[in-house]
């Protein structure tokens, strides 16, 4: 493995660790303020369900690009789809928090 691969591996590993730490820390802070209730669960469930529609649209978009002969690497496509799914989930969480 060259330096670029080690950097990518380190970035992915640190990203997972920071994400899990942030999730744990956020849930702990919300529990202290009595924020983990039915409304919290409803918002997260609706946001997750809505973000799947964006993921499906993104997947069909990449299939269309494939039909038109556009060459993309698997890592790039998976990264973009992950970004679409997590990004739309975060946006829908904010939307449903403001709406409900």
C-alpha atoms as a PDB file:
ATOM      1  CA  UNK A   1       0.000   0.000   0.000  1.00  0.00           C
ATOM      2  CA  UNK A   2       1.290   3.417  -0.871  1.00  0.00           C
ATOM      3  CA  UNK A   3       0.837   6.631   1.127  1.00  0.00           C
ATOM      4  CA  UNK A   4      -2.410   7.569  -0.628  1.00  0.00           C
ATOM      5  CA  UNK A   5      -4.048   4.267   0.320  1.00  0.00           C
ATOM      6  CA  UNK A   6      -2.923   4.598   3.929  1.00  0.00           C
ATOM      7  CA  UNK A   7      -4.351   8.108   4.032  1.00  0.00           C
ATOM      8  CA  UNK A   8      -7.661   6.892   2.631  1.00  0.00           C
ATOM      9  CA  UNK A   9      -7.765   4.016   5.108  1.00  0.00           C
ATOM     10  CA  UNK A  10      -6.970   6.398   7.970  1.00  0.00           C
ATOM     11  CA  UNK A  11      -9.652   8.839   6.795  1.00  0.00           C
ATOM     12  CA  UNK A  12     -12.312   6.140   6.569  1.00  0.00           C
ATOM     13  CA  UNK A  13     -11.384   4.723   9.971  1.00  0.00           C
ATOM     14  CA  UNK A  14     -11.339   8.132  11.663  1.00  0.00           C
ATOM     15  CA  UNK A  15     -14.625   9.021   9.948  1.00  0.00           C
ATOM     16  CA  UNK A  16     -16.300   5.929  11.365  1.00  0.00           C
ATOM     17  CA  UNK A  17     -14.879   6.564  14.834  1.00  0.00           C
ATOM     18  CA  UNK A  18     -15.893  10.241  14.818  1.00  0.00           C
ATOM     19  CA  UNK A  19     -19.369   9.397  13.490  1.00  0.00           C
ATOM     20  CA  UNK A  20     -20.031   6.768  16.142  1.00  0.00           C
ATOM     21  CA  UNK A  21     -18.640   9.035  18.860  1.00  0.00           C
ATOM     22  CA  UNK A  22     -20.876  11.891  17.693  1.00  0.00           C
ATOM     23  CA  UNK A  23     -23.899   9.597  17.626  1.00  0.00           C
ATOM     24  CA  UNK A  24     -23.178   8.351  21.139  1.00  0.00           C
ATOM     25  CA  UNK A  25     -22.469  11.847  22.462  1.00  0.00           C
ATOM     26  CA  UNK A  26     -25.591  13.328  20.848  1.00  0.00           C
ATOM     27  CA  UNK A  27     -27.906  10.616  22.149  1.00  0.00           C
ATOM     28  CA  UNK A  28     -26.388  10.997  25.613  1.00  0.00           C
ATOM     29  CA  UNK A  29     -26.936  14.759  25.568  1.00  0.00           C
ATOM     30  CA  UNK A  30     -30.501  14.314  24.272  1.00  0.00           C
ATOM     31  CA  UNK A  31     -31.270  11.768  26.999  1.00  0.00           C
ATOM     32  CA  UNK A  32     -30.102  14.215  29.665  1.00  0.00           C
ATOM     33  CA  UNK A  33     -32.540  16.813  28.331  1.00  0.00           C
ATOM     34  CA  UNK A  34     -35.356  14.272  27.912  1.00  0.00           C
ATOM     35  CA  UNK A  35     -35.146  14.561  24.141  1.00  0.00           C
ATOM     36  CA  UNK A  36     -35.433  10.857  23.335  1.00  0.00           C
ATOM     37  CA  UNK A  37     -39.204  10.587  23.134  1.00  0.00           C
ATOM     38  CA  UNK A  38     -41.845   9.486  20.612  1.00  0.00           C
ATOM     39  CA  UNK A  39     -41.411  12.694  18.621  1.00  0.00           C
ATOM     40  CA  UNK A  40     -37.681  12.005  18.263  1.00  0.00           C
ATOM     41  CA  UNK A  41     -38.378   8.492  16.986  1.00  0.00           C
ATOM     42  CA  UNK A  42     -41.111   9.680  14.609  1.00  0.00           C
ATOM     43  CA  UNK A  43     -38.887  12.367  13.086  1.00  0.00           C
ATOM     44  CA  UNK A  44     -35.989   9.944  12.550  1.00  0.00           C
ATOM     45  CA  UNK A  45     -38.270   7.262  11.081  1.00  0.00           C
ATOM     46  CA  UNK A  46     -39.967   9.651   8.649  1.00  0.00           C
ATOM     47  CA  UNK A  47     -36.655  11.201   7.617  1.00  0.00           C
ATOM     48  CA  UNK A  48     -35.087   7.809   6.965  1.00  0.00           C
ATOM     49  CA  UNK A  49     -38.081   6.684   4.917  1.00  0.00           C
ATOM     50  CA  UNK A  50     -38.060   9.890   2.850  1.00  0.00           C
ATOM     51  CA  UNK A  51     -34.323   9.723   2.190  1.00  0.00           C
ATOM     52  CA  UNK A  52     -34.731   6.294   0.567  1.00  0.00           C
ATOM     53  CA  UNK A  53     -36.682   7.956  -2.246  1.00  0.00           C
ATOM     54  CA  UNK A  54     -33.707  10.198  -3.005  1.00  0.00           C
ATOM     55  CA  UNK A  55     -31.400   7.189  -2.940  1.00  0.00           C
ATOM     56  CA  UNK A  56     -33.632   5.368  -5.435  1.00  0.00           C
ATOM     57  CA  UNK A  57     -33.687   8.424  -7.717  1.00  0.00           C
ATOM     58  CA  UNK A  58     -29.888   8.640  -7.508  1.00  0.00           C
ATOM     59  CA  UNK A  59     -29.542   4.952  -8.306  1.00  0.00           C
ATOM     60  CA  UNK A  60     -31.751   5.263 -11.380  1.00  0.00           C
ATOM     61  CA  UNK A  61     -29.741   8.323 -12.449  1.00  0.00           C
ATOM     62  CA  UNK A  62     -26.527   6.296 -12.349  1.00  0.00           C
ATOM     63  CA  UNK A  63     -28.192   3.489 -14.300  1.00  0.00           C
ATOM     64  CA  UNK A  64     -29.144   6.049 -16.954  1.00  0.00           C
ATOM     65  CA  UNK A  65     -25.559   7.304 -17.067  1.00  0.00           C
ATOM     66  CA  UNK A  66     -24.426   3.708 -17.532  1.00  0.00           C
ATOM     67  CA  UNK A  67     -26.869   3.270 -20.427  1.00  0.00           C
ATOM     68  CA  UNK A  68     -25.464   6.410 -22.079  1.00  0.00           C
ATOM     69  CA  UNK A  69     -21.945   5.015 -21.791  1.00  0.00           C
ATOM     70  CA  UNK A  70     -20.523   7.189 -19.022  1.00  0.00           C
ATOM     71  CA  UNK A  71     -17.665   5.427 -17.239  1.00  0.00           C
ATOM     72  CA  UNK A  72     -17.578   5.853 -13.470  1.00  0.00           C
ATOM     73  CA  UNK A  73     -15.688   3.918 -10.848  1.00  0.00           C
ATOM     74  CA  UNK A  74     -17.572   1.844  -8.323  1.00  0.00           C
ATOM     75  CA  UNK A  75     -16.025   3.765  -5.424  1.00  0.00           C
ATOM     76  CA  UNK A  76     -17.169   7.102  -6.863  1.00  0.00           C
ATOM     77  CA  UNK A  77     -20.726   5.895  -7.443  1.00  0.00           C
ATOM     78  CA  UNK A  78     -21.014   4.341  -3.974  1.00  0.00           C
ATOM     79  CA  UNK A  79     -19.568   7.469  -2.366  1.00  0.00           C
ATOM     80  CA  UNK A  80     -22.031   9.717  -4.178  1.00  0.00           C
ATOM     81  CA  UNK A  81     -24.960   7.442  -3.302  1.00  0.00           C
ATOM     82  CA  UNK A  82     -23.881   7.392   0.344  1.00  0.00           C
ATOM     83  CA  UNK A  83     -23.638  11.181   0.314  1.00  0.00           C
ATOM     84  CA  UNK A  84     -27.116  11.443  -1.256  1.00  0.00           C
ATOM     85  CA  UNK A  85     -28.654   9.114   1.312  1.00  0.00           C
ATOM     86  CA  UNK A  86     -27.029  10.594   4.416  1.00  0.00           C
ATOM     87  CA  UNK A  87     -27.373  14.164   3.190  1.00  0.00           C
ATOM     88  CA  UNK A  88     -31.055  13.831   2.369  1.00  0.00           C
ATOM     89  CA  UNK A  89     -31.625  12.078   5.697  1.00  0.00           C
ATOM     90  CA  UNK A  90     -30.029  14.992   7.568  1.00  0.00           C
ATOM     91  CA  UNK A  91     -32.035  17.551   5.574  1.00  0.00           C
ATOM     92  CA  UNK A  92     -35.278  15.680   6.231  1.00  0.00           C
ATOM     93  CA  UNK A  93     -34.493  15.497   9.959  1.00  0.00           C
ATOM     94  CA  UNK A  94     -34.152  19.271  10.029  1.00  0.00           C
ATOM     95  CA  UNK A  95     -37.308  19.675   7.926  1.00  0.00           C
ATOM     96  CA  UNK A  96     -39.430  17.413  10.131  1.00  0.00           C
ATOM     97  CA  UNK A  97     -38.094  19.023  13.307  1.00  0.00           C
ATOM     98  CA  UNK A  98     -39.237  22.392  12.021  1.00  0.00           C
ATOM     99  CA  UNK A  99     -42.550  21.012  10.729  1.00  0.00           C
ATOM    100  CA  UNK A 100     -43.572  18.885  13.729  1.00  0.00           C
END
